[in-house]
Amino acid sequence: MKLGKLQNLRTGQTVARQLLIADTFWNRFRGLLGRTSLLPGEGLWLKPCQQVHMMGMKFPLSVWFLDKTGHVVAIIDDLRPWRISPCLRNAESIIEFPAGWGKETNTQLGDELIWKDNTIEQT
């Protein structure tokens, strides 16, 4: 899986310092199952994805729905274990963060998020 950072263009804040991209069937299927928590600034980006379930999860999540341009179209800031999110047809991907992370980072609907690869460039 790719590892990177995510910045909110409106606030200039780095909202994710350790963001894994799950862009294969098996990585999305496994998701965060087996984990007991996420650290602040840590998350999982599910691509493509329009809906998530919390079956088997041990902790709540903040779930951010993004459209194809990287704009936030919905946030569920406290999705509890054993729940299912709505399916949003205008979402292309979903990012899972620690519960309350939307409020903590002041992320709002319409905010544009930009991916920054953690790969070190050599010159």
PDB file of N, CA and C in Angstrom:
ATOM      1  N   MET A   1       0.849  -1.188   0.000  1.00  0.00           N
ATOM      2  CA  MET A   1       0.000   0.000   0.000  1.00  0.00           C
ATOM      3  C   MET A   1       0.886   1.239   0.000  1.00  0.00           C
ATOM      4  N   LYS A   2       0.414   2.283  -0.639  1.00  0.00           N
ATOM      5  CA  LYS A   2       1.120   3.558  -0.674  1.00  0.00           C
ATOM      6  C   LYS A   2       0.918   4.305   0.638  1.00  0.00           C
ATOM      7  N   LEU A   3       1.949   5.048   1.046  1.00  0.00           N
ATOM      8  CA  LEU A   3       1.891   5.838   2.263  1.00  0.00           C
ATOM      9  C   LEU A   3       2.120   7.294   1.905  1.00  0.00           C
ATOM     10  N   GLY A   4       1.290   8.176   2.449  1.00  0.00           N
ATOM     11  CA  GLY A   4       1.456   9.589   2.152  1.00  0.00           C
ATOM     12  C   GLY A   4       0.818  10.472   3.196  1.00  0.00           C
ATOM     13  N   LYS A   5       0.753  11.750   2.850  1.00  0.00           N
ATOM     14  CA  LYS A   5       0.145  12.767   3.703  1.00  0.00           C
ATOM     15  C   LYS A   5      -1.028  13.378   2.955  1.00  0.00           C
ATOM     16  N   LEU A   6      -1.901  14.043   3.692  1.00  0.00           N
ATOM     17  CA  LEU A   6      -3.059  14.686   3.086  1.00  0.00           C
ATOM     18  C   LEU A   6      -3.201  16.074   3.673  1.00  0.00           C
ATOM     19  N   GLN A   7      -3.317  17.061   2.786  1.00  0.00           N
ATOM     20  CA  GLN A   7      -3.423  18.451   3.222  1.00  0.00           C
ATOM     21  C   GLN A   7      -4.777  19.024   2.820  1.00  0.00           C
ATOM     22  N   ASN A   8      -5.362  19.810   3.730  1.00  0.00           N
ATOM     23  CA  ASN A   8      -6.601  20.534   3.466  1.00  0.00           C
ATOM     24  C   ASN A   8      -6.210  21.880   2.864  1.00  0.00           C
ATOM     25  N   LEU A   9      -6.614  22.140   1.628  1.00  0.00           N
ATOM     26  CA  LEU A   9      -6.225  23.389   0.957  1.00  0.00           C
ATOM     27  C   LEU A   9      -6.833  24.626   1.601  1.00  0.00           C
ATOM     28  N   ARG A  10      -8.047  24.514   2.136  1.00  0.00           N
ATOM     29  CA  ARG A  10      -8.685  25.675   2.748  1.00  0.00           C
ATOM     30  C   ARG A  10      -7.940  26.134   4.003  1.00  0.00           C
ATOM     31  N   THR A  11      -7.560  25.172   4.838  1.00  0.00           N
ATOM     32  CA  THR A  11      -6.930  25.526   6.107  1.00  0.00           C
ATOM     33  C   THR A  11      -5.404  25.496   6.043  1.00  0.00           C
ATOM     34  N   GLY A  12      -4.860  24.818   5.038  1.00  0.00           N
ATOM     35  CA  GLY A  12      -3.413  24.649   4.945  1.00  0.00           C
ATOM     36  C   GLY A  12      -2.881  23.583   5.889  1.00  0.00           C
ATOM     37  N   GLN A  13      -3.765  22.951   6.644  1.00  0.00           N
ATOM     38  CA  GLN A  13      -3.378  21.970   7.651  1.00  0.00           C
ATOM     39  C   GLN A  13      -3.142  20.592   7.033  1.00  0.00           C
ATOM     40  N   THR A  14      -2.138  19.904   7.539  1.00  0.00           N
ATOM     41  CA  THR A  14      -1.950  18.502   7.193  1.00  0.00           C
ATOM     42  C   THR A  14      -2.911  17.699   8.057  1.00  0.00           C
ATOM     43  N   VAL A  15      -3.928  17.112   7.438  1.00  0.00           N
ATOM     44  CA  VAL A  15      -4.949  16.384   8.188  1.00  0.00           C
ATOM     45  C   VAL A  15      -4.578  14.913   8.376  1.00  0.00           C
ATOM     46  N   ALA A  16      -3.613  14.433   7.587  1.00  0.00           N
ATOM     47  CA  ALA A  16      -3.123  13.061   7.739  1.00  0.00           C
ATOM     48  C   ALA A  16      -1.616  13.062   7.540  1.00  0.00           C
ATOM     49  N   ARG A  17      -0.908  12.558   8.535  1.00  0.00           N
ATOM     50  CA  ARG A  17       0.548  12.431   8.436  1.00  0.00           C
ATOM     51  C   ARG A  17       0.961  11.028   8.006  1.00  0.00           C
ATOM     52  N   GLN A  18       0.114  10.059   8.293  1.00  0.00           N
ATOM     53  CA  GLN A  18       0.348   8.656   7.937  1.00  0.00           C
ATOM     54  C   GLN A  18      -0.928   8.108   7.302  1.00  0.00           C
ATOM     55  N   LEU A  19      -1.052   8.286   5.991  1.00  0.00           N
ATOM     56  CA  LEU A  19      -2.266   7.855   5.298  1.00  0.00           C
ATOM     57  C   LEU A  19      -1.912   6.736   4.330  1.00  0.00           C
ATOM     58  N   LEU A  20      -2.488   5.571   4.577  1.00  0.00           N
ATOM     59  CA  LEU A  20      -2.309   4.434   3.678  1.00  0.00           C
ATOM     60  C   LEU A  20      -3.418   4.437   2.644  1.00  0.00           C
ATOM     61  N   ILE A  21      -3.061   4.134   1.402  1.00  0.00           N
ATOM     62  CA  ILE A  21      -4.072   4.014   0.343  1.00  0.00           C
ATOM     63  C   ILE A  21      -4.342   2.535   0.093  1.00  0.00           C
ATOM     64  N   ALA A  22      -5.591   2.155   0.264  1.00  0.00           N
ATOM     65  CA  ALA A  22      -6.041   0.793  -0.028  1.00  0.00           C
ATOM     66  C   ALA A  22      -6.777   0.842  -1.363  1.00  0.00           C
ATOM     67  N   ASP A  23      -6.056   0.499  -2.445  1.00  0.00           N
ATOM     68  CA  ASP A  23      -6.640   0.625  -3.778  1.00  0.00           C
ATOM     69  C   ASP A  23      -6.708  -0.710  -4.525  1.00  0.00           C
ATOM     70  N   THR A  24      -6.604  -1.810  -3.772  1.00  0.00           N
ATOM     71  CA  THR A  24      -6.840  -3.128  -4.355  1.00  0.00           C
ATOM     72  C   THR A  24      -7.986  -3.785  -3.587  1.00  0.00           C
ATOM     73  N   PHE A  25      -8.599  -4.760  -4.202  1.00  0.00           N
ATOM     74  CA  PHE A  25      -9.730  -5.438  -3.565  1.00  0.00           C
ATOM     75  C   PHE A  25      -9.356  -5.969  -2.190  1.00  0.00           C
ATOM     76  N   TRP A  26      -8.239  -6.687  -2.082  1.00  0.00           N
ATOM     77  CA  TRP A  26      -7.871  -7.316  -0.807  1.00  0.00           C
ATOM     78  C   TRP A  26      -7.512  -6.296   0.262  1.00  0.00           C
ATOM     79  N   ASN A  27      -6.834  -5.207  -0.112  1.00  0.00           N
ATOM     80  CA  ASN A  27      -6.512  -4.173   0.875  1.00  0.00           C
ATOM     81  C   ASN A  27      -7.765  -3.472   1.381  1.00  0.00           C
ATOM     82  N   ARG A  28      -8.718  -3.214   0.475  1.00  0.00           N
ATOM     83  CA  ARG A  28      -9.985  -2.609   0.897  1.00  0.00           C
ATOM     84  C   ARG A  28     -10.785  -3.594   1.742  1.00  0.00           C
ATOM     85  N   PHE A  29     -10.784  -4.869   1.351  1.00  0.00           N
ATOM     86  CA  PHE A  29     -11.520  -5.904   2.068  1.00  0.00           C
ATOM     87  C   PHE A  29     -11.022  -6.030   3.511  1.00  0.00           C
ATOM     88  N   ARG A  30      -9.723  -6.033   3.701  1.00  0.00           N
ATOM     89  CA  ARG A  30      -9.143  -6.127   5.052  1.00  0.00           C
ATOM     90  C   ARG A  30      -9.336  -4.835   5.815  1.00  0.00           C
ATOM     91  N   GLY A  31      -9.145  -3.696   5.150  1.00  0.00           N
ATOM     92  CA  GLY A  31      -9.337  -2.403   5.796  1.00  0.00           C
ATOM     93  C   GLY A  31      -8.597  -2.296   7.106  1.00  0.00           C
ATOM     94  N   LEU A  32      -9.300  -1.911   8.163  1.00  0.00           N
ATOM     95  CA  LEU A  32      -8.700  -1.745   9.488  1.00  0.00           C
ATOM     96  C   LEU A  32      -9.046  -2.894  10.433  1.00  0.00           C
ATOM     97  N   LEU A  33      -9.615  -3.980   9.891  1.00  0.00           N
ATOM     98  CA  LEU A  33      -9.958  -5.126  10.735  1.00  0.00           C
ATOM     99  C   LEU A  33      -8.703  -5.648  11.427  1.00  0.00           C
ATOM    100  N   GLY A  34      -8.845  -5.943  12.695  1.00  0.00           N
ATOM    101  CA  GLY A  34      -7.725  -6.437  13.475  1.00  0.00           C
ATOM    102  C   GLY A  34      -6.983  -5.338  14.228  1.00  0.00           C
ATOM    103  N   ARG A  35      -7.194  -4.095  13.819  1.00  0.00           N
ATOM    104  CA  ARG A  35      -6.573  -2.972  14.535  1.00  0.00           C
ATOM    105  C   ARG A  35      -7.403  -2.652  15.778  1.00  0.00           C
ATOM    106  N   THR A  36      -6.742  -2.097  16.785  1.00  0.00           N
ATOM    107  CA  THR A  36      -7.452  -1.703  17.999  1.00  0.00           C
ATOM    108  C   THR A  36      -7.634  -0.200  18.095  1.00  0.00           C
ATOM    109  N   SER A  37      -6.947   0.552  17.229  1.00  0.00           N
ATOM    110  CA  SER A  37      -7.099   2.008  17.228  1.00  0.00           C
ATOM    111  C   SER A  37      -6.350   2.606  16.044  1.00  0.00           C
ATOM    112  N   LEU A  38      -6.571   3.894  15.849  1.00  0.00           N
ATOM    113  CA  LEU A  38      -5.775   4.715  14.935  1.00  0.00           C
ATOM    114  C   LEU A  38      -5.201   5.864  15.755  1.00  0.00           C
ATOM    115  N   LEU A  39      -3.980   6.242  15.467  1.00  0.00           N
ATOM    116  CA  LEU A  39      -3.376   7.387  16.140  1.00  0.00           C
ATOM    117  C   LEU A  39      -3.866   8.675  15.489  1.00  0.00           C
ATOM    118  N   PRO A  40      -3.838   9.796  16.200  1.00  0.00           N
ATOM    119  CA  PRO A  40      -4.177  11.078  15.573  1.00  0.00           C
ATOM    120  C   PRO A  40      -3.294  11.306  14.337  1.00  0.00           C
ATOM    121  N   GLY A  41      -3.925  11.669  13.227  1.00  0.00           N
ATOM    122  CA  GLY A  41      -3.196  11.903  11.984  1.00  0.00           C
ATOM    123  C   GLY A  41      -2.941  10.663  11.161  1.00  0.00           C
ATOM    124  N   GLU A  42      -3.452   9.531  11.618  1.00  0.00           N
ATOM    125  CA  GLU A  42      -3.294   8.265  10.905  1.00  0.00           C
ATOM    126  C   GLU A  42      -4.624   7.906  10.254  1.00  0.00           C
ATOM    127  N   GLY A  43      -4.584   7.356   9.032  1.00  0.00           N
ATOM    128  CA  GLY A  43      -5.828   6.992   8.379  1.00  0.00           C
ATOM    129  C   GLY A  43      -5.651   5.993   7.262  1.00  0.00           C
ATOM    130  N   LEU A  44      -6.782   5.560   6.717  1.00  0.00           N
ATOM    131  CA  LEU A  44      -6.816   4.630   5.598  1.00  0.00           C
ATOM    132  C   LEU A  44      -7.745   5.197   4.534  1.00  0.00           C
ATOM    133  N   TRP A  45      -7.233   5.301   3.302  1.00  0.00           N
ATOM    134  CA  TRP A  45      -7.986   5.844   2.173  1.00  0.00           C
ATOM    135  C   TRP A  45      -8.415   4.690   1.284  1.00  0.00           C
ATOM    136  N   LEU A  46      -9.711   4.444   1.201  1.00  0.00           N
ATOM    137  CA  LEU A  46     -10.280   3.360   0.413  1.00  0.00           C
ATOM    138  C   LEU A  46     -10.684   3.877  -0.959  1.00  0.00           C
ATOM    139  N   LYS A  47     -10.046   3.320  -2.004  1.00  0.00           N
ATOM    140  CA  LYS A  47     -10.299   3.768  -3.378  1.00  0.00           C
ATOM    141  C   LYS A  47     -10.507   2.565  -4.288  1.00  0.00           C
ATOM    142  N   PRO A  48     -11.538   2.512  -5.075  1.00  0.00           N
ATOM    143  CA  PRO A  48     -12.758   3.312  -5.002  1.00  0.00           C
ATOM    144  C   PRO A  48     -13.632   2.798  -3.863  1.00  0.00           C
ATOM    145  N   CYS A  49     -14.522   3.645  -3.396  1.00  0.00           N
ATOM    146  CA  CYS A  49     -15.397   3.255  -2.285  1.00  0.00           C
ATOM    147  C   CYS A  49     -16.524   4.274  -2.134  1.00  0.00           C
ATOM    148  N   GLN A  50     -17.744   3.785  -1.922  1.00  0.00           N
ATOM    149  CA  GLN A  50     -18.903   4.650  -1.700  1.00  0.00           C
ATOM    150  C   GLN A  50     -19.630   4.347  -0.402  1.00  0.00           C
ATOM    151  N   GLN A  51     -19.206   3.266   0.280  1.00  0.00           N
ATOM    152  CA  GLN A  51     -19.880   2.860   1.510  1.00  0.00           C
ATOM    153  C   GLN A  51     -18.920   1.982   2.319  1.00  0.00           C
ATOM    154  N   VAL A  52     -18.988   2.091   3.663  1.00  0.00           N
ATOM    155  CA  VAL A  52     -18.181   1.232   4.526  1.00  0.00           C
ATOM    156  C   VAL A  52     -19.068   0.578   5.578  1.00  0.00           C
ATOM    157  N   HIS A  53     -18.582  -0.540   6.083  1.00  0.00           N
ATOM    158  CA  HIS A  53     -19.260  -1.202   7.199  1.00  0.00           C
ATOM    159  C   HIS A  53     -18.279  -1.274   8.365  1.00  0.00           C
ATOM    160  N   MET A  54     -18.828  -1.397   9.547  1.00  0.00           N
ATOM    161  CA  MET A  54     -18.017  -1.455  10.763  1.00  0.00           C
ATOM    162  C   MET A  54     -18.150  -2.821  11.440  1.00  0.00           C
ATOM    163  N   MET A  55     -18.539  -3.832  10.683  1.00  0.00           N
ATOM    164  CA  MET A  55     -18.691  -5.180  11.235  1.00  0.00           C
ATOM    165  C   MET A  55     -17.327  -5.708  11.664  1.00  0.00           C
ATOM    166  N   GLY A  56     -17.235  -6.125  12.912  1.00  0.00           N
ATOM    167  CA  GLY A  56     -15.983  -6.659  13.428  1.00  0.00           C
ATOM    168  C   GLY A  56     -15.002  -5.607  13.925  1.00  0.00           C
ATOM    169  N   MET A  57     -15.350  -4.331  13.786  1.00  0.00           N
ATOM    170  CA  MET A  57     -14.448  -3.266  14.244  1.00  0.00           C
ATOM    171  C   MET A  57     -14.518  -3.133  15.757  1.00  0.00           C
ATOM    172  N   LYS A  58     -13.410  -2.666  16.350  1.00  0.00           N
ATOM    173  CA  LYS A  58     -13.321  -2.545  17.798  1.00  0.00           C
ATOM    174  C   LYS A  58     -13.360  -1.104  18.278  1.00  0.00           C
ATOM    175  N   PHE A  59     -13.427  -0.152  17.349  1.00  0.00           N
ATOM    176  CA  PHE A  59     -13.395   1.262  17.720  1.00  0.00           C
ATOM    177  C   PHE A  59     -14.136   2.089  16.672  1.00  0.00           C
ATOM    178  N   PRO A  60     -14.675   3.247  17.061  1.00  0.00           N
ATOM    179  CA  PRO A  60     -15.394   4.106  16.107  1.00  0.00           C
ATOM    180  C   PRO A  60     -14.421   4.849  15.195  1.00  0.00           C
ATOM    181  N   LEU A  61     -14.948   5.348  14.088  1.00  0.00           N
ATOM    182  CA  LEU A  61     -14.140   6.072  13.100  1.00  0.00           C
ATOM    183  C   LEU A  61     -14.814   7.363  12.668  1.00  0.00           C
ATOM    184  N   SER A  62     -14.004   8.271  12.179  1.00  0.00           N
ATOM    185  CA  SER A  62     -14.476   9.416  11.414  1.00  0.00           C
ATOM    186  C   SER A  62     -14.349   9.008   9.952  1.00  0.00           C
ATOM    187  N   VAL A  63     -15.443   9.080   9.211  1.00  0.00           N
ATOM    188  CA  VAL A  63     -15.471   8.604   7.831  1.00  0.00           C
ATOM    189  C   VAL A  63     -15.749   9.783   6.909  1.00  0.00           C
ATOM    190  N   TRP A  64     -14.790  10.052   6.011  1.00  0.00           N
ATOM    191  CA  TRP A  64     -14.899  11.180   5.087  1.00  0.00           C
ATOM    192  C   TRP A  64     -15.114  10.663   3.674  1.00  0.00           C
ATOM    193  N   PHE A  65     -16.157  11.149   3.023  1.00  0.00           N
ATOM    194  CA  PHE A  65     -16.483  10.776   1.644  1.00  0.00           C
ATOM    195  C   PHE A  65     -15.937  11.865   0.713  1.00  0.00           C
ATOM    196  N   LEU A  66     -15.179  11.455  -0.310  1.00  0.00           N
ATOM    197  CA  LEU A  66     -14.606  12.406  -1.270  1.00  0.00           C
ATOM    198  C   LEU A  66     -15.143  12.135  -2.665  1.00  0.00           C
ATOM    199  N   ASP A  67     -15.332  13.215  -3.438  1.00  0.00           N
ATOM    200  CA  ASP A  67     -15.720  13.045  -4.835  1.00  0.00           C
ATOM    201  C   ASP A  67     -14.459  12.848  -5.681  1.00  0.00           C
ATOM    202  N   LYS A  68     -14.625  12.733  -6.999  1.00  0.00           N
ATOM    203  CA  LYS A  68     -13.483  12.444  -7.873  1.00  0.00           C
ATOM    204  C   LYS A  68     -12.472  13.586  -7.949  1.00  0.00           C
ATOM    205  N   THR A  69     -12.855  14.782  -7.522  1.00  0.00           N
ATOM    206  CA  THR A  69     -11.927  15.917  -7.548  1.00  0.00           C
ATOM    207  C   THR A  69     -11.225  16.134  -6.208  1.00  0.00           C
ATOM    208  N   GLY A  70     -11.503  15.272  -5.222  1.00  0.00           N
ATOM    209  CA  GLY A  70     -10.858  15.384  -3.920  1.00  0.00           C
ATOM    210  C   GLY A  70     -11.556  16.309  -2.945  1.00  0.00           C
ATOM    211  N   HIS A  71     -12.803  16.667  -3.236  1.00  0.00           N
ATOM    212  CA  HIS A  71     -13.581  17.518  -2.335  1.00  0.00           C
ATOM    213  C   HIS A  71     -14.409  16.655  -1.374  1.00  0.00           C
ATOM    214  N   VAL A  72     -14.495  17.094  -0.133  1.00  0.00           N
ATOM    215  CA  VAL A  72     -15.267  16.390   0.879  1.00  0.00           C
ATOM    216  C   VAL A  72     -16.759  16.601   0.600  1.00  0.00           C
ATOM    217  N   VAL A  73     -17.495  15.495   0.414  1.00  0.00           N
ATOM    218  CA  VAL A  73     -18.932  15.590   0.142  1.00  0.00           C
ATOM    219  C   VAL A  73     -19.773  15.162   1.337  1.00  0.00           C
ATOM    220  N   ALA A  74     -19.151  14.486   2.312  1.00  0.00           N
ATOM    221  CA  ALA A  74     -19.858  14.101   3.539  1.00  0.00           C
ATOM    222  C   ALA A  74     -18.841  13.669   4.584  1.00  0.00           C
ATOM    223  N   ILE A  75     -19.206  13.879   5.842  1.00  0.00           N
ATOM    224  CA  ILE A  75     -18.395  13.410   6.966  1.00  0.00           C
ATOM    225  C   ILE A  75     -19.328  12.794   8.001  1.00  0.00           C
ATOM    226  N   ILE A  76     -19.003  11.590   8.412  1.00  0.00           N
ATOM    227  CA  ILE A  76     -19.639  10.972   9.573  1.00  0.00           C
ATOM    228  C   ILE A  76     -18.524  10.896  10.609  1.00  0.00           C
ATOM    229  N   ASP A  77     -18.567  11.756  11.593  1.00  0.00           N
ATOM    230  CA  ASP A  77     -17.421  11.930  12.490  1.00  0.00           C
ATOM    231  C   ASP A  77     -17.365  10.908  13.627  1.00  0.00           C
ATOM    232  N   ASP A  78     -18.389  10.059  13.756  1.00  0.00           N
ATOM    233  CA  ASP A  78     -18.395   9.072  14.839  1.00  0.00           C
ATOM    234  C   ASP A  78     -19.199   7.846  14.418  1.00  0.00           C
ATOM    235  N   LEU A  79     -18.675   7.111  13.441  1.00  0.00           N
ATOM    236  CA  LEU A  79     -19.337   5.887  12.990  1.00  0.00           C
ATOM    237  C   LEU A  79     -18.911   4.749  13.917  1.00  0.00           C
ATOM    238  N   ARG A  80     -19.876   4.197  14.615  1.00  0.00           N
ATOM    239  CA  ARG A  80     -19.636   3.201  15.662  1.00  0.00           C
ATOM    240  C   ARG A  80     -19.498   1.781  15.096  1.00  0.00           C
ATOM    241  N   PRO A  81     -18.801   0.901  15.844  1.00  0.00           N
ATOM    242  CA  PRO A  81     -18.718  -0.503  15.433  1.00  0.00           C
ATOM    243  C   PRO A  81     -20.106  -1.110  15.229  1.00  0.00           C
ATOM    244  N   TRP A  82     -20.174  -2.029  14.281  1.00  0.00           N
ATOM    245  CA  TRP A  82     -21.376  -2.769  13.924  1.00  0.00           C
ATOM    246  C   TRP A  82     -22.432  -1.906  13.236  1.00  0.00           C
ATOM    247  N   ARG A  83     -22.013  -0.787  12.646  1.00  0.00           N
ATOM    248  CA  ARG A  83     -22.911   0.079  11.870  1.00  0.00           C
ATOM    249  C   ARG A  83     -22.477   0.047  10.397  1.00  0.00           C
ATOM    250  N   ILE A  84     -23.343   0.542   9.542  1.00  0.00           N
ATOM    251  CA  ILE A  84     -23.042   0.654   8.114  1.00  0.00           C
ATOM    252  C   ILE A  84     -23.296   2.090   7.707  1.00  0.00           C
ATOM    253  N   SER A  85     -22.363   2.655   6.944  1.00  0.00           N
ATOM    254  CA  SER A  85     -22.544   4.030   6.463  1.00  0.00           C
ATOM    255  C   SER A  85     -23.554   4.039   5.332  1.00  0.00           C
ATOM    256  N   PRO A  86     -24.100   5.211   5.027  1.00  0.00           N
ATOM    257  CA  PRO A  86     -24.920   5.302   3.811  1.00  0.00           C
ATOM    258  C   PRO A  86     -24.031   5.108   2.586  1.00  0.00           C
ATOM    259  N   CYS A  87     -24.642   4.742   1.490  1.00  0.00           N
ATOM    260  CA  CYS A  87     -23.935   4.646   0.213  1.00  0.00           C
ATOM    261  C   CYS A  87     -24.136   5.971  -0.513  1.00  0.00           C
ATOM    262  N   LEU A  88     -23.044   6.677  -0.768  1.00  0.00           N
ATOM    263  CA  LEU A  88     -23.131   7.967  -1.452  1.00  0.00           C
ATOM    264  C   LEU A  88     -22.635   7.829  -2.886  1.00  0.00           C
ATOM    265  N   ARG A  89     -23.561   7.954  -3.805  1.00  0.00           N
ATOM    266  CA  ARG A  89     -23.229   7.764  -5.216  1.00  0.00           C
ATOM    267  C   ARG A  89     -22.271   8.818  -5.762  1.00  0.00           C
ATOM    268  N   ASN A  90     -22.249  10.013  -5.150  1.00  0.00           N
ATOM    269  CA  ASN A  90     -21.336  11.052  -5.639  1.00  0.00           C
ATOM    270  C   ASN A  90     -19.942  10.937  -5.013  1.00  0.00           C
ATOM    271  N   ALA A  91     -19.743   9.948  -4.134  1.00  0.00           N
ATOM    272  CA  ALA A  91     -18.425   9.715  -3.548  1.00  0.00           C
ATOM    273  C   ALA A  91     -17.645   8.742  -4.427  1.00  0.00           C
ATOM    274  N   GLU A  92     -16.361   9.006  -4.549  1.00  0.00           N
ATOM    275  CA  GLU A  92     -15.482   8.093  -5.285  1.00  0.00           C
ATOM    276  C   GLU A  92     -14.557   7.337  -4.341  1.00  0.00           C
ATOM    277  N   SER A  93     -14.328   7.918  -3.165  1.00  0.00           N
ATOM    278  CA  SER A  93     -13.453   7.279  -2.189  1.00  0.00           C
ATOM    279  C   SER A  93     -13.871   7.685  -0.775  1.00  0.00           C
ATOM    280  N   ILE A  94     -13.340   6.943   0.191  1.00  0.00           N
ATOM    281  CA  ILE A  94     -13.625   7.202   1.599  1.00  0.00           C
ATOM    282  C   ILE A  94     -12.322   7.133   2.388  1.00  0.00           C
ATOM    283  N   ILE A  95     -12.156   8.069   3.307  1.00  0.00           N
ATOM    284  CA  ILE A  95     -11.003   8.050   4.198  1.00  0.00           C
ATOM    285  C   ILE A  95     -11.502   7.786   5.614  1.00  0.00           C
ATOM    286  N   GLU A  96     -10.847   6.852   6.296  1.00  0.00           N
ATOM    287  CA  GLU A  96     -11.181   6.520   7.672  1.00  0.00           C
ATOM    288  C   GLU A  96     -10.109   7.084   8.596  1.00  0.00           C
ATOM    289  N   PHE A  97     -10.557   7.856   9.587  1.00  0.00           N
ATOM    290  CA  PHE A  97      -9.689   8.488  10.574  1.00  0.00           C
ATOM    291  C   PHE A  97     -10.192   8.149  11.973  1.00  0.00           C
ATOM    292  N   PRO A  98      -9.427   8.501  13.019  1.00  0.00           N
ATOM    293  CA  PRO A  98      -9.947   8.329  14.378  1.00  0.00           C
ATOM    294  C   PRO A  98     -11.245   9.125  14.561  1.00  0.00           C
ATOM    295  N   ALA A  99     -12.150   8.611  15.351  1.00  0.00           N
ATOM    296  CA  ALA A  99     -13.421   9.295  15.607  1.00  0.00           C
ATOM    297  C   ALA A  99     -13.164  10.719  16.076  1.00  0.00           C
ATOM    298  N   GLY A 100     -13.985  11.659  15.559  1.00  0.00           N
ATOM    299  CA  GLY A 100     -13.868  13.067  15.932  1.00  0.00           C
ATOM    300  C   GLY A 100     -12.834  13.842  15.144  1.00  0.00           C
ATOM    301  N   TRP A 101     -12.163  13.202  14.185  1.00  0.00           N
ATOM    302  CA  TRP A 101     -11.075  13.856  13.455  1.00  0.00           C
ATOM    303  C   TRP A 101     -11.567  14.996  12.559  1.00  0.00           C
ATOM    304  N   GLY A 102     -12.781  14.919  12.071  1.00  0.00           N
ATOM    305  CA  GLY A 102     -13.330  16.021  11.275  1.00  0.00           C
ATOM    306  C   GLY A 102     -13.426  17.290  12.104  1.00  0.00           C
ATOM    307  N   LYS A 103     -13.976  17.157  13.288  1.00  0.00           N
ATOM    308  CA  LYS A 103     -14.089  18.306  14.188  1.00  0.00           C
ATOM    309  C   LYS A 103     -12.708  18.779  14.642  1.00  0.00           C
ATOM    310  N   GLU A 104     -11.851  17.825  14.993  1.00  0.00           N
ATOM    311  CA  GLU A 104     -10.504  18.145  15.478  1.00  0.00           C
ATOM    312  C   GLU A 104      -9.699  18.956  14.455  1.00  0.00           C
ATOM    313  N   THR A 105      -9.869  18.651  13.162  1.00  0.00           N
ATOM    314  CA  THR A 105      -9.111  19.323  12.106  1.00  0.00           C
ATOM    315  C   THR A 105      -9.891  20.449  11.434  1.00  0.00           C
ATOM    316  N   ASN A 106     -11.127  20.687  11.894  1.00  0.00           N
ATOM    317  CA  ASN A 106     -11.981  21.724  11.311  1.00  0.00           C
ATOM    318  C   ASN A 106     -12.213  21.493   9.813  1.00  0.00           C
ATOM    319  N   THR A 107     -12.323  20.237   9.423  1.00  0.00           N
ATOM    320  CA  THR A 107     -12.599  19.897   8.030  1.00  0.00           C
ATOM    321  C   THR A 107     -14.094  20.032   7.778  1.00  0.00           C
ATOM    322  N   GLN A 108     -14.440  20.672   6.657  1.00  0.00           N
ATOM    323  CA  GLN A 108     -15.831  20.965   6.344  1.00  0.00           C
ATOM    324  C   GLN A 108     -16.210  20.430   4.973  1.00  0.00           C
ATOM    325  N   LEU A 109     -17.519  20.308   4.740  1.00  0.00           N
ATOM    326  CA  LEU A 109     -17.998  19.907   3.424  1.00  0.00           C
ATOM    327  C   LEU A 109     -17.494  20.911   2.396  1.00  0.00           C
ATOM    328  N   GLY A 110     -17.038  20.400   1.274  1.00  0.00           N
ATOM    329  CA  GLY A 110     -16.521  21.256   0.202  1.00  0.00           C
ATOM    330  C   GLY A 110     -15.022  21.466   0.263  1.00  0.00           C
ATOM    331  N   ASP A 111     -14.372  21.146   1.382  1.00  0.00           N
ATOM    332  CA  ASP A 111     -12.921  21.297   1.464  1.00  0.00           C
ATOM    333  C   ASP A 111     -12.243  20.389   0.448  1.00  0.00           C
ATOM    334  N   GLU A 112     -11.169  20.884  -0.163  1.00  0.00           N
ATOM    335  CA  GLU A 112     -10.388  20.096  -1.106  1.00  0.00           C
ATOM    336  C   GLU A 112      -9.163  19.542  -0.391  1.00  0.00           C
ATOM    337  N   LEU A 113      -8.944  18.239  -0.557  1.00  0.00           N
ATOM    338  CA  LEU A 113      -7.819  17.568   0.080  1.00  0.00           C
ATOM    339  C   LEU A 113      -6.807  17.147  -0.984  1.00  0.00           C
ATOM    340  N   ILE A 114      -5.531  17.387  -0.699  1.00  0.00           N
ATOM    341  CA  ILE A 114      -4.460  17.103  -1.647  1.00  0.00           C
ATOM    342  C   ILE A 114      -3.514  16.048  -1.070  1.00  0.00           C
ATOM    343  N   TRP A 115      -3.250  15.012  -1.850  1.00  0.00           N
ATOM    344  CA  TRP A 115      -2.353  13.912  -1.488  1.00  0.00           C
ATOM    345  C   TRP A 115      -0.905  14.330  -1.719  1.00  0.00           C
ATOM    346  N   LYS A 116      -0.048  13.994  -0.755  1.00  0.00           N
ATOM    347  CA  LYS A 116       1.392  14.207  -0.888  1.00  0.00           C
ATOM    348  C   LYS A 116       2.082  12.887  -0.566  1.00  0.00           C
ATOM    349  N   ASP A 117       2.767  12.348  -1.550  1.00  0.00           N
ATOM    350  CA  ASP A 117       3.453  11.067  -1.403  1.00  0.00           C
ATOM    351  C   ASP A 117       4.588  11.208  -0.384  1.00  0.00           C
ATOM    352  N   ASN A 118       4.776  10.204   0.466  1.00  0.00           N
ATOM    353  CA  ASN A 118       5.865  10.208   1.440  1.00  0.00           C
ATOM    354  C   ASN A 118       7.181   9.699   0.876  1.00  0.00           C
ATOM    355  N   THR A 119       7.180   9.316  -0.396  1.00  0.00           N
ATOM    356  CA  THR A 119       8.399   8.829  -1.026  1.00  0.00           C
ATOM    357  C   THR A 119       9.407   9.969  -1.099  1.00  0.00           C
ATOM    358  N   ILE A 120      10.624   9.688  -0.699  1.00  0.00           N
ATOM    359  CA  ILE A 120      11.688  10.701  -0.737  1.00  0.00           C
ATOM    360  C   ILE A 120      12.260  10.755  -2.146  1.00  0.00           C
ATOM    361  N   GLU A 121      12.250  11.941  -2.720  1.00  0.00           N
ATOM    362  CA  GLU A 121      12.807  12.123  -4.061  1.00  0.00           C
ATOM    363  C   GLU A 121      14.310  12.288  -3.980  1.00  0.00           C
ATOM    364  N   GLN A 122      15.030  11.587  -4.845  1.00  0.00           N
ATOM    365  CA  GLN A 122      16.487  11.703  -4.884  1.00  0.00           C
ATOM    366  C   GLN A 122      16.875  12.526  -6.103  1.00  0.00           C
ATOM    367  N   THR A 123      17.829  13.430  -5.904  1.00  0.00           N
ATOM    368  CA  THR A 123      18.271  14.273  -7.030  1.00  0.00           C
ATOM    369  C   THR A 123      19.664  13.943  -7.446  1.00  0.00           C
TER     370      THR A 123
END
